[in-house]
ModelCIF file with pLDDT and N, C-alpha, C, O atoms, coordinates in Angstrom:
data_MODEL
#
_entry.id   MODEL 
#
_entity.id                         1 
_entity.type                       polymer 
_entity.pdbx_number_of_molecules   1 
#
_entity_poly.entity_id                      1 
_entity_poly.type                           'polypeptide(L)' 
_entity_poly.nstd_linkage                   no 
_entity_poly.nstd_monomer                   no 
_entity_poly.pdbx_seq_one_letter_code       VTDGWEQARDRVVAFFTRGRDGEGEVVQAELEESRADLVAARDAGDE 
_entity_poly.pdbx_seq_one_letter_code_can   VTDGWEQARDRVVAFFTRGRDGEGEVVQAELEESRADLVAARDAGDE 
_entity_poly.pdbx_strand_id                 A 
#
loop_
_entity_poly_seq.entity_id 
_entity_poly_seq.num 
_entity_poly_seq.mon_id 
_entity_poly_seq.hetero 
1 1  VAL n 
1 2  THR n 
1 3  ASP n 
1 4  GLY n 
1 5  TRP n 
1 6  GLU n 
1 7  GLN n 
1 8  ALA n 
1 9  ARG n 
1 10 ASP n 
1 11 ARG n 
1 12 VAL n 
1 13 VAL n 
1 14 ALA n 
1 15 PHE n 
1 16 PHE n 
1 17 THR n 
1 18 ARG n 
1 19 GLY n 
1 20 ARG n 
1 21 ASP n 
1 22 GLY n 
1 23 GLU n 
1 24 GLY n 
1 25 GLU n 
1 26 VAL n 
1 27 VAL n 
1 28 GLN n 
1 29 ALA n 
1 30 GLU n 
1 31 LEU n 
1 32 GLU n 
1 33 GLU n 
1 34 SER n 
1 35 ARG n 
1 36 ALA n 
1 37 ASP n 
1 38 LEU n 
1 39 VAL n 
1 40 ALA n 
1 41 ALA n 
1 42 ARG n 
1 43 ASP n 
1 44 ALA n 
1 45 GLY n 
1 46 ASP n 
1 47 GLU n 
#
_struct_asym.id          A 
_struct_asym.entity_id   1 
#
loop_
_ma_qa_metric.id 
_ma_qa_metric.mode 
_ma_qa_metric.name 
_ma_qa_metric.software_group_id 
_ma_qa_metric.type 
1 global pLDDT . pLDDT 
2 local  pLDDT . pLDDT 
#
_ma_qa_metric_global.metric_id      1 
_ma_qa_metric_global.metric_value   89.32 
_ma_qa_metric_global.model_id       1 
_ma_qa_metric_global.ordinal_id     1 
#
loop_
_ma_qa_metric_local.label_asym_id 
_ma_qa_metric_local.label_comp_id 
_ma_qa_metric_local.label_seq_id 
_ma_qa_metric_local.metric_id 
_ma_qa_metric_local.metric_value 
_ma_qa_metric_local.model_id 
_ma_qa_metric_local.ordinal_id 
A VAL 1  2 88.00 1 1  
A THR 2  2 86.00 1 2  
A ASP 3  2 84.00 1 3  
A GLY 4  2 84.00 1 4  
A TRP 5  2 89.00 1 5  
A GLU 6  2 87.00 1 6  
A GLN 7  2 85.00 1 7  
A ALA 8  2 89.00 1 8  
A ARG 9  2 92.00 1 9  
A ASP 10 2 90.00 1 10 
A ARG 11 2 90.00 1 11 
A VAL 12 2 92.00 1 12 
A VAL 13 2 92.00 1 13 
A ALA 14 2 90.00 1 14 
A PHE 15 2 92.00 1 15 
A PHE 16 2 91.00 1 16 
A THR 17 2 91.00 1 17 
A ARG 18 2 85.00 1 18 
A GLY 19 2 71.00 1 19 
A ARG 20 2 76.00 1 20 
A ASP 21 2 75.00 1 21 
A GLY 22 2 78.00 1 22 
A GLU 23 2 85.00 1 23 
A GLY 24 2 86.00 1 24 
A GLU 25 2 90.00 1 25 
A VAL 26 2 93.00 1 26 
A VAL 27 2 92.00 1 27 
A GLN 28 2 93.00 1 28 
A ALA 29 2 94.00 1 29 
A GLU 30 2 95.00 1 30 
A LEU 31 2 95.00 1 31 
A GLU 32 2 95.00 1 32 
A GLU 33 2 96.00 1 33 
A SER 34 2 95.00 1 34 
A ARG 35 2 94.00 1 35 
A ALA 36 2 94.00 1 36 
A ASP 37 2 94.00 1 37 
A LEU 38 2 92.00 1 38 
A VAL 39 2 91.00 1 39 
A ALA 40 2 93.00 1 40 
A ALA 41 2 91.00 1 41 
A ARG 42 2 87.00 1 42 
A ASP 43 2 90.00 1 43 
A ALA 44 2 92.00 1 44 
A GLY 45 2 91.00 1 45 
A ASP 46 2 92.00 1 46 
A GLU 47 2 91.00 1 47 
#
loop_
_atom_site.group_PDB 
_atom_site.id 
_atom_site.type_symbol 
_atom_site.label_atom_id 
_atom_site.label_alt_id 
_atom_site.label_comp_id 
_atom_site.label_asym_id 
_atom_site.label_entity_id 
_atom_site.label_seq_id 
_atom_site.pdbx_PDB_ins_code 
_atom_site.Cartn_x 
_atom_site.Cartn_y 
_atom_site.Cartn_z 
_atom_site.occupancy 
_atom_site.B_iso_or_equiv 
_atom_site.pdbx_formal_charge 
_atom_site.auth_seq_id 
_atom_site.auth_comp_id 
_atom_site.auth_asym_id 
_atom_site.auth_atom_id 
_atom_site.pdbx_PDB_model_num 
ATOM 1   N N  . VAL A 1 1  ? -87.142 28.706 238.662 1.00 88.00 ? 1  VAL A N  1 
ATOM 2   C CA . VAL A 1 1  ? -88.561 28.901 238.373 1.00 88.00 ? 1  VAL A CA 1 
ATOM 3   C C  . VAL A 1 1  ? -88.972 30.366 238.478 1.00 88.00 ? 1  VAL A C  1 
ATOM 4   O O  . VAL A 1 1  ? -90.153 30.666 238.654 1.00 88.00 ? 1  VAL A O  1 
ATOM 5   N N  . THR A 1 2  ? -88.010 31.279 238.372 1.00 86.00 ? 2  THR A N  1 
ATOM 6   C CA . THR A 1 2  ? -88.326 32.707 238.421 1.00 86.00 ? 2  THR A CA 1 
ATOM 7   C C  . THR A 1 2  ? -88.185 33.330 237.038 1.00 86.00 ? 2  THR A C  1 
ATOM 8   O O  . THR A 1 2  ? -87.629 32.732 236.116 1.00 86.00 ? 2  THR A O  1 
ATOM 9   N N  . ASP A 1 3  ? -88.705 34.547 236.921 1.00 84.00 ? 3  ASP A N  1 
ATOM 10  C CA . ASP A 1 3  ? -88.588 35.280 235.657 1.00 84.00 ? 3  ASP A CA 1 
ATOM 11  C C  . ASP A 1 3  ? -87.150 35.693 235.361 1.00 84.00 ? 3  ASP A C  1 
ATOM 12  O O  . ASP A 1 3  ? -86.794 35.899 234.201 1.00 84.00 ? 3  ASP A O  1 
ATOM 13  N N  . GLY A 1 4  ? -86.329 35.815 236.383 1.00 84.00 ? 4  GLY A N  1 
ATOM 14  C CA . GLY A 1 4  ? -84.947 36.242 236.186 1.00 84.00 ? 4  GLY A CA 1 
ATOM 15  C C  . GLY A 1 4  ? -83.991 35.091 235.955 1.00 84.00 ? 4  GLY A C  1 
ATOM 16  O O  . GLY A 1 4  ? -82.778 35.254 236.095 1.00 84.00 ? 4  GLY A O  1 
ATOM 17  N N  . TRP A 1 5  ? -84.521 33.925 235.600 1.00 89.00 ? 5  TRP A N  1 
ATOM 18  C CA . TRP A 1 5  ? -83.670 32.748 235.471 1.00 89.00 ? 5  TRP A CA 1 
ATOM 19  C C  . TRP A 1 5  ? -82.564 32.919 234.442 1.00 89.00 ? 5  TRP A C  1 
ATOM 20  O O  . TRP A 1 5  ? -81.440 32.487 234.693 1.00 89.00 ? 5  TRP A O  1 
ATOM 21  N N  . GLU A 1 6  ? -82.836 33.537 233.284 1.00 87.00 ? 6  GLU A N  1 
ATOM 22  C CA . GLU A 1 6  ? -81.809 33.630 232.255 1.00 87.00 ? 6  GLU A CA 1 
ATOM 23  C C  . GLU A 1 6  ? -80.578 34.385 232.737 1.00 87.00 ? 6  GLU A C  1 
ATOM 24  O O  . GLU A 1 6  ? -79.449 33.987 232.448 1.00 87.00 ? 6  GLU A O  1 
ATOM 25  N N  . GLN A 1 7  ? -80.792 35.470 233.469 1.00 85.00 ? 7  GLN A N  1 
ATOM 26  C CA . GLN A 1 7  ? -79.655 36.209 234.016 1.00 85.00 ? 7  GLN A CA 1 
ATOM 27  C C  . GLN A 1 7  ? -78.923 35.387 235.064 1.00 85.00 ? 7  GLN A C  1 
ATOM 28  O O  . GLN A 1 7  ? -77.693 35.338 235.078 1.00 85.00 ? 7  GLN A O  1 
ATOM 29  N N  . ALA A 1 8  ? -79.677 34.747 235.934 1.00 89.00 ? 8  ALA A N  1 
ATOM 30  C CA . ALA A 1 8  ? -79.068 33.916 236.968 1.00 89.00 ? 8  ALA A CA 1 
ATOM 31  C C  . ALA A 1 8  ? -78.329 32.744 236.333 1.00 89.00 ? 8  ALA A C  1 
ATOM 32  O O  . ALA A 1 8  ? -77.234 32.385 236.765 1.00 89.00 ? 8  ALA A O  1 
ATOM 33  N N  . ARG A 1 9  ? -78.927 32.155 235.312 1.00 92.00 ? 9  ARG A N  1 
ATOM 34  C CA . ARG A 1 9  ? -78.317 31.004 234.642 1.00 92.00 ? 9  ARG A CA 1 
ATOM 35  C C  . ARG A 1 9  ? -76.938 31.346 234.093 1.00 92.00 ? 9  ARG A C  1 
ATOM 36  O O  . ARG A 1 9  ? -75.998 30.564 234.234 1.00 92.00 ? 9  ARG A O  1 
ATOM 37  N N  . ASP A 1 10 ? -76.819 32.498 233.478 1.00 90.00 ? 10 ASP A N  1 
ATOM 38  C CA . ASP A 1 10 ? -75.524 32.886 232.919 1.00 90.00 ? 10 ASP A CA 1 
ATOM 39  C C  . ASP A 1 10 ? -74.459 32.995 234.006 1.00 90.00 ? 10 ASP A C  1 
ATOM 40  O O  . ASP A 1 10 ? -73.315 32.594 233.794 1.00 90.00 ? 10 ASP A O  1 
ATOM 41  N N  . ARG A 1 11 ? -74.823 33.528 235.154 1.00 90.00 ? 11 ARG A N  1 
ATOM 42  C CA . ARG A 1 11 ? -73.882 33.638 236.285 1.00 90.00 ? 11 ARG A CA 1 
ATOM 43  C C  . ARG A 1 11 ? -73.530 32.264 236.832 1.00 90.00 ? 11 ARG A C  1 
ATOM 44  O O  . ARG A 1 11 ? -72.379 32.008 237.186 1.00 90.00 ? 11 ARG A O  1 
ATOM 45  N N  . VAL A 1 12 ? -74.525 31.374 236.903 1.00 92.00 ? 12 VAL A N  1 
ATOM 46  C CA . VAL A 1 12 ? -74.303 30.016 237.408 1.00 92.00 ? 12 VAL A CA 1 
ATOM 47  C C  . VAL A 1 12 ? -73.397 29.248 236.452 1.00 92.00 ? 12 VAL A C  1 
ATOM 48  O O  . VAL A 1 12 ? -72.490 28.541 236.891 1.00 92.00 ? 12 VAL A O  1 
ATOM 49  N N  . VAL A 1 13 ? -73.635 29.381 235.156 1.00 92.00 ? 13 VAL A N  1 
ATOM 50  C CA . VAL A 1 13 ? -72.775 28.732 234.159 1.00 92.00 ? 13 VAL A CA 1 
ATOM 51  C C  . VAL A 1 13 ? -71.338 29.219 234.341 1.00 92.00 ? 13 VAL A C  1 
ATOM 52  O O  . VAL A 1 13 ? -70.402 28.420 234.312 1.00 92.00 ? 13 VAL A O  1 
ATOM 53  N N  . ALA A 1 14 ? -71.164 30.512 234.528 1.00 90.00 ? 14 ALA A N  1 
ATOM 54  C CA . ALA A 1 14 ? -69.812 31.060 234.723 1.00 90.00 ? 14 ALA A CA 1 
ATOM 55  C C  . ALA A 1 14 ? -69.149 30.442 235.953 1.00 90.00 ? 14 ALA A C  1 
ATOM 56  O O  . ALA A 1 14 ? -67.952 30.155 235.935 1.00 90.00 ? 14 ALA A O  1 
ATOM 57  N N  . PHE A 1 15 ? -69.920 30.238 237.016 1.00 92.00 ? 15 PHE A N  1 
ATOM 58  C CA . PHE A 1 15 ? -69.346 29.622 238.218 1.00 92.00 ? 15 PHE A CA 1 
ATOM 59  C C  . PHE A 1 15 ? -68.922 28.184 237.940 1.00 92.00 ? 15 PHE A C  1 
ATOM 60  O O  . PHE A 1 15 ? -67.809 27.790 238.289 1.00 92.00 ? 15 PHE A O  1 
ATOM 61  N N  . PHE A 1 16 ? -69.796 27.395 237.316 1.00 91.00 ? 16 PHE A N  1 
ATOM 62  C CA . PHE A 1 16 ? -69.497 25.989 237.084 1.00 91.00 ? 16 PHE A CA 1 
ATOM 63  C C  . PHE A 1 16 ? -68.390 25.768 236.062 1.00 91.00 ? 16 PHE A C  1 
ATOM 64  O O  . PHE A 1 16 ? -67.780 24.699 236.044 1.00 91.00 ? 16 PHE A O  1 
ATOM 65  N N  . THR A 1 17 ? -68.120 26.740 235.220 1.00 91.00 ? 17 THR A N  1 
ATOM 66  C CA . THR A 1 17 ? -67.100 26.569 234.172 1.00 91.00 ? 17 THR A CA 1 
ATOM 67  C C  . THR A 1 17 ? -65.875 27.435 234.413 1.00 91.00 ? 17 THR A C  1 
ATOM 68  O O  . THR A 1 17 ? -65.130 27.710 233.472 1.00 91.00 ? 17 THR A O  1 
ATOM 69  N N  . ARG A 1 18 ? -65.650 27.864 235.618 1.00 85.00 ? 18 ARG A N  1 
ATOM 70  C CA . ARG A 1 18 ? -64.520 28.748 235.936 1.00 85.00 ? 18 ARG A CA 1 
ATOM 71  C C  . ARG A 1 18 ? -63.230 28.249 235.277 1.00 85.00 ? 18 ARG A C  1 
ATOM 72  O O  . ARG A 1 18 ? -62.722 27.175 235.603 1.00 85.00 ? 18 ARG A O  1 
ATOM 73  N N  . GLY A 1 19 ? -62.724 29.042 234.359 1.00 71.00 ? 19 GLY A N  1 
ATOM 74  C CA . GLY A 1 19 ? -61.439 28.752 233.741 1.00 71.00 ? 19 GLY A CA 1 
ATOM 75  C C  . GLY A 1 19 ? -61.434 27.596 232.760 1.00 71.00 ? 19 GLY A C  1 
ATOM 76  O O  . GLY A 1 19 ? -60.365 27.204 232.293 1.00 71.00 ? 19 GLY A O  1 
ATOM 77  N N  . ARG A 1 20 ? -62.578 27.042 232.433 1.00 76.00 ? 20 ARG A N  1 
ATOM 78  C CA . ARG A 1 20 ? -62.628 25.910 231.505 1.00 76.00 ? 20 ARG A CA 1 
ATOM 79  C C  . ARG A 1 20 ? -63.468 26.312 230.295 1.00 76.00 ? 20 ARG A C  1 
ATOM 80  O O  . ARG A 1 20 ? -64.693 26.200 230.309 1.00 76.00 ? 20 ARG A O  1 
ATOM 81  N N  . ASP A 1 21 ? -62.806 26.768 229.277 1.00 75.00 ? 21 ASP A N  1 
ATOM 82  C CA . ASP A 1 21 ? -63.503 27.186 228.053 1.00 75.00 ? 21 ASP A CA 1 
ATOM 83  C C  . ASP A 1 21 ? -64.139 25.978 227.373 1.00 75.00 ? 21 ASP A C  1 
ATOM 84  O O  . ASP A 1 21 ? -63.642 24.855 227.467 1.00 75.00 ? 21 ASP A O  1 
ATOM 85  N N  . GLY A 1 22 ? -65.227 26.231 226.699 1.00 78.00 ? 22 GLY A N  1 
ATOM 86  C CA . GLY A 1 22 ? -65.877 25.195 225.914 1.00 78.00 ? 22 GLY A CA 1 
ATOM 87  C C  . GLY A 1 22 ? -66.880 24.348 226.679 1.00 78.00 ? 22 GLY A C  1 
ATOM 88  O O  . GLY A 1 22 ? -67.575 23.536 226.068 1.00 78.00 ? 22 GLY A O  1 
ATOM 89  N N  . GLU A 1 23 ? -66.980 24.507 227.993 1.00 85.00 ? 23 GLU A N  1 
ATOM 90  C CA . GLU A 1 23 ? -67.913 23.704 228.776 1.00 85.00 ? 23 GLU A CA 1 
ATOM 91  C C  . GLU A 1 23 ? -69.218 24.441 229.051 1.00 85.00 ? 23 GLU A C  1 
ATOM 92  O O  . GLU A 1 23 ? -70.165 23.849 229.570 1.00 85.00 ? 23 GLU A O  1 
ATOM 93  N N  . GLY A 1 24 ? -69.277 25.712 228.714 1.00 86.00 ? 24 GLY A N  1 
ATOM 94  C CA . GLY A 1 24 ? -70.455 26.519 229.024 1.00 86.00 ? 24 GLY A CA 1 
ATOM 95  C C  . GLY A 1 24 ? -71.738 25.997 228.426 1.00 86.00 ? 24 GLY A C  1 
ATOM 96  O O  . GLY A 1 24 ? -72.778 25.984 229.085 1.00 86.00 ? 24 GLY A O  1 
ATOM 97  N N  . GLU A 1 25 ? -71.670 25.563 227.166 1.00 90.00 ? 25 GLU A N  1 
ATOM 98  C CA . GLU A 1 25 ? -72.880 25.068 226.507 1.00 90.00 ? 25 GLU A CA 1 
ATOM 99  C C  . GLU A 1 25 ? -73.383 23.788 227.157 1.00 90.00 ? 25 GLU A C  1 
ATOM 100 O O  . GLU A 1 25 ? -74.591 23.577 227.262 1.00 90.00 ? 25 GLU A O  1 
ATOM 101 N N  . VAL A 1 26 ? -72.461 22.931 227.594 1.00 93.00 ? 26 VAL A N  1 
ATOM 102 C CA . VAL A 1 26 ? -72.845 21.679 228.243 1.00 93.00 ? 26 VAL A CA 1 
ATOM 103 C C  . VAL A 1 26 ? -73.531 21.970 229.575 1.00 93.00 ? 26 VAL A C  1 
ATOM 104 O O  . VAL A 1 26 ? -74.593 21.418 229.862 1.00 93.00 ? 26 VAL A O  1 
ATOM 105 N N  . VAL A 1 27 ? -72.926 22.834 230.387 1.00 92.00 ? 27 VAL A N  1 
ATOM 106 C CA . VAL A 1 27 ? -73.504 23.176 231.683 1.00 92.00 ? 27 VAL A CA 1 
ATOM 107 C C  . VAL A 1 27 ? -74.846 23.874 231.496 1.00 92.00 ? 27 VAL A C  1 
ATOM 108 O O  . VAL A 1 27 ? -75.798 23.599 232.228 1.00 92.00 ? 27 VAL A O  1 
ATOM 109 N N  . GLN A 1 28 ? -74.926 24.772 230.523 1.00 93.00 ? 28 GLN A N  1 
ATOM 110 C CA . GLN A 1 28 ? -76.188 25.467 230.270 1.00 93.00 ? 28 GLN A CA 1 
ATOM 111 C C  . GLN A 1 28 ? -77.279 24.466 229.886 1.00 93.00 ? 28 GLN A C  1 
ATOM 112 O O  . GLN A 1 28 ? -78.412 24.580 230.352 1.00 93.00 ? 28 GLN A O  1 
ATOM 113 N N  . ALA A 1 29 ? -76.952 23.503 229.054 1.00 94.00 ? 29 ALA A N  1 
ATOM 114 C CA . ALA A 1 29 ? -77.933 22.484 228.660 1.00 94.00 ? 29 ALA A CA 1 
ATOM 115 C C  . ALA A 1 29 ? -78.366 21.654 229.865 1.00 94.00 ? 29 ALA A C  1 
ATOM 116 O O  . ALA A 1 29 ? -79.545 21.324 229.993 1.00 94.00 ? 29 ALA A O  1 
ATOM 117 N N  . GLU A 1 30 ? -77.432 21.315 230.747 1.00 95.00 ? 30 GLU A N  1 
ATOM 118 C CA . GLU A 1 30 ? -77.768 20.553 231.950 1.00 95.00 ? 30 GLU A CA 1 
ATOM 119 C C  . GLU A 1 30 ? -78.675 21.366 232.875 1.00 95.00 ? 30 GLU A C  1 
ATOM 120 O O  . GLU A 1 30 ? -79.620 20.831 233.453 1.00 95.00 ? 30 GLU A O  1 
ATOM 121 N N  . LEU A 1 31 ? -78.384 22.650 233.009 1.00 95.00 ? 31 LEU A N  1 
ATOM 122 C CA . LEU A 1 31 ? -79.228 23.511 233.828 1.00 95.00 ? 31 LEU A CA 1 
ATOM 123 C C  . LEU A 1 31 ? -80.635 23.616 233.248 1.00 95.00 ? 31 LEU A C  1 
ATOM 124 O O  . LEU A 1 31 ? -81.617 23.556 233.988 1.00 95.00 ? 31 LEU A O  1 
ATOM 125 N N  . GLU A 1 32 ? -80.737 23.771 231.943 1.00 95.00 ? 32 GLU A N  1 
ATOM 126 C CA . GLU A 1 32 ? -82.048 23.881 231.303 1.00 95.00 ? 32 GLU A CA 1 
ATOM 127 C C  . GLU A 1 32 ? -82.832 22.576 231.415 1.00 95.00 ? 32 GLU A C  1 
ATOM 128 O O  . GLU A 1 32 ? -84.051 22.596 231.580 1.00 95.00 ? 32 GLU A O  1 
ATOM 129 N N  . GLU A 1 33 ? -82.134 21.439 231.326 1.00 96.00 ? 33 GLU A N  1 
ATOM 130 C CA . GLU A 1 33 ? -82.805 20.153 231.508 1.00 96.00 ? 33 GLU A CA 1 
ATOM 131 C C  . GLU A 1 33 ? -83.323 20.032 232.947 1.00 96.00 ? 33 GLU A C  1 
ATOM 132 O O  . GLU A 1 33 ? -84.444 19.579 233.176 1.00 96.00 ? 33 GLU A O  1 
ATOM 133 N N  . SER A 1 34 ? -82.502 20.439 233.898 1.00 95.00 ? 34 SER A N  1 
ATOM 134 C CA . SER A 1 34 ? -82.931 20.416 235.299 1.00 95.00 ? 34 SER A CA 1 
ATOM 135 C C  . SER A 1 34 ? -84.103 21.352 235.524 1.00 95.00 ? 34 SER A C  1 
ATOM 136 O O  . SER A 1 34 ? -85.031 21.033 236.268 1.00 95.00 ? 34 SER A O  1 
ATOM 137 N N  . ARG A 1 35 ? -84.056 22.512 234.877 1.00 94.00 ? 35 ARG A N  1 
ATOM 138 C CA . ARG A 1 35 ? -85.154 23.471 235.013 1.00 94.00 ? 35 ARG A CA 1 
ATOM 139 C C  . ARG A 1 35 ? -86.453 22.880 234.479 1.00 94.00 ? 35 ARG A C  1 
ATOM 140 O O  . ARG A 1 35 ? -87.502 23.006 235.112 1.00 94.00 ? 35 ARG A O  1 
ATOM 141 N N  . ALA A 1 36 ? -86.388 22.242 233.324 1.00 94.00 ? 36 ALA A N  1 
ATOM 142 C CA . ALA A 1 36 ? -87.586 21.620 232.745 1.00 94.00 ? 36 ALA A CA 1 
ATOM 143 C C  . ALA A 1 36 ? -88.123 20.524 233.674 1.00 94.00 ? 36 ALA A C  1 
ATOM 144 O O  . ALA A 1 36 ? -89.333 20.418 233.877 1.00 94.00 ? 36 ALA A O  1 
ATOM 145 N N  . ASP A 1 37 ? -87.226 19.713 234.234 1.00 94.00 ? 37 ASP A N  1 
ATOM 146 C CA . ASP A 1 37 ? -87.646 18.673 235.181 1.00 94.00 ? 37 ASP A CA 1 
ATOM 147 C C  . ASP A 1 37 ? -88.292 19.297 236.407 1.00 94.00 ? 37 ASP A C  1 
ATOM 148 O O  . ASP A 1 37 ? -89.305 18.805 236.904 1.00 94.00 ? 37 ASP A O  1 
ATOM 149 N N  . LEU A 1 38 ? -87.702 20.376 236.887 1.00 92.00 ? 38 LEU A N  1 
ATOM 150 C CA . LEU A 1 38 ? -88.215 21.039 238.089 1.00 92.00 ? 38 LEU A CA 1 
ATOM 151 C C  . LEU A 1 38 ? -89.586 21.658 237.846 1.00 92.00 ? 38 LEU A C  1 
ATOM 152 O O  . LEU A 1 38 ? -90.488 21.520 238.671 1.00 92.00 ? 38 LEU A O  1 
ATOM 153 N N  . VAL A 1 39 ? -89.741 22.337 236.719 1.00 91.00 ? 39 VAL A N  1 
ATOM 154 C CA . VAL A 1 39 ? -91.030 22.953 236.391 1.00 91.00 ? 39 VAL A CA 1 
ATOM 155 C C  . VAL A 1 39 ? -92.107 21.878 236.250 1.00 91.00 ? 39 VAL A C  1 
ATOM 156 O O  . VAL A 1 39 ? -93.214 22.036 236.765 1.00 91.00 ? 39 VAL A O  1 
ATOM 157 N N  . ALA A 1 40 ? -91.786 20.792 235.558 1.00 93.00 ? 40 ALA A N  1 
ATOM 158 C CA . ALA A 1 40 ? -92.750 19.700 235.395 1.00 93.00 ? 40 ALA A CA 1 
ATOM 159 C C  . ALA A 1 40 ? -93.096 19.082 236.748 1.00 93.00 ? 40 ALA A C  1 
ATOM 160 O O  . ALA A 1 40 ? -94.257 18.765 237.009 1.00 93.00 ? 40 ALA A O  1 
ATOM 161 N N  . ALA A 1 41 ? -92.103 18.912 237.598 1.00 91.00 ? 41 ALA A N  1 
ATOM 162 C CA . ALA A 1 41 ? -92.344 18.330 238.923 1.00 91.00 ? 41 ALA A CA 1 
ATOM 163 C C  . ALA A 1 41 ? -93.214 19.235 239.771 1.00 91.00 ? 41 ALA A C  1 
ATOM 164 O O  . ALA A 1 41 ? -94.130 18.767 240.448 1.00 91.00 ? 41 ALA A O  1 
ATOM 165 N N  . ARG A 1 42 ? -92.937 20.516 239.739 1.00 87.00 ? 42 ARG A N  1 
ATOM 166 C CA . ARG A 1 42 ? -93.739 21.454 240.531 1.00 87.00 ? 42 ARG A CA 1 
ATOM 167 C C  . ARG A 1 42 ? -95.166 21.529 240.001 1.00 87.00 ? 42 ARG A C  1 
ATOM 168 O O  . ARG A 1 42 ? -96.112 21.601 240.785 1.00 87.00 ? 42 ARG A O  1 
ATOM 169 N N  . ASP A 1 43 ? -95.333 21.512 238.679 1.00 90.00 ? 43 ASP A N  1 
ATOM 170 C CA . ASP A 1 43 ? -96.678 21.541 238.105 1.00 90.00 ? 43 ASP A CA 1 
ATOM 171 C C  . ASP A 1 43 ? -97.474 20.296 238.494 1.00 90.00 ? 43 ASP A C  1 
ATOM 172 O O  . ASP A 1 43 ? -98.691 20.357 238.668 1.00 90.00 ? 43 ASP A O  1 
ATOM 173 N N  . ALA A 1 44 ? -96.773 19.159 238.630 1.00 92.00 ? 44 ALA A N  1 
ATOM 174 C CA . ALA A 1 44 ? -97.433 17.906 238.973 1.00 92.00 ? 44 ALA A CA 1 
ATOM 175 C C  . ALA A 1 44 ? -97.508 17.683 240.484 1.00 92.00 ? 44 ALA A C  1 
ATOM 176 O O  . ALA A 1 44 ? -98.060 16.683 240.941 1.00 92.00 ? 44 ALA A O  1 
ATOM 177 N N  . GLY A 1 45 ? -96.950 18.618 241.256 1.00 91.00 ? 45 GLY A N  1 
ATOM 178 C CA . GLY A 1 45 ? -96.943 18.446 242.708 1.00 91.00 ? 45 GLY A CA 1 
ATOM 179 C C  . GLY A 1 45 ? -95.997 17.345 243.152 1.00 91.00 ? 45 GLY A C  1 
ATOM 180 O O  . GLY A 1 45 ? -96.178 16.766 244.223 1.00 91.00 ? 45 GLY A O  1 
ATOM 181 N N  . ASP A 1 46 ? -94.997 17.051 242.346 1.00 92.00 ? 46 ASP A N  1 
ATOM 182 C CA . ASP A 1 46 ? -94.039 15.978 242.609 1.00 92.00 ? 46 ASP A CA 1 
ATOM 183 C C  . ASP A 1 46 ? -92.843 16.531 243.374 1.00 92.00 ? 46 ASP A C  1 
ATOM 184 O O  . ASP A 1 46 ? -91.829 16.901 242.781 1.00 92.00 ? 46 ASP A O  1 
ATOM 185 N N  . GLU A 1 47 ? -92.972 16.584 244.686 1.00 91.00 ? 47 GLU A N  1 
ATOM 186 C CA . GLU A 1 47 ? -91.914 17.140 245.530 1.00 91.00 ? 47 GLU A CA 1 
ATOM 187 C C  . GLU A 1 47 ? -90.658 16.273 245.521 1.00 91.00 ? 47 GLU A C  1 
ATOM 188 O O  . GLU A 1 47 ? -89.674 16.604 246.182 1.00 91.00 ? 47 GLU A O  1 
#
């Protein structure tokens, strides 16, 4: 939920896909889905 998420996301994707080519897009999509869920939850006060 920070402005620097895109840079952090790329580093996180690299960690989750260490040595496994072709999985980066899947992990990135999962992270973005989680981010959208998190932003919506925080906006709604849904802890």
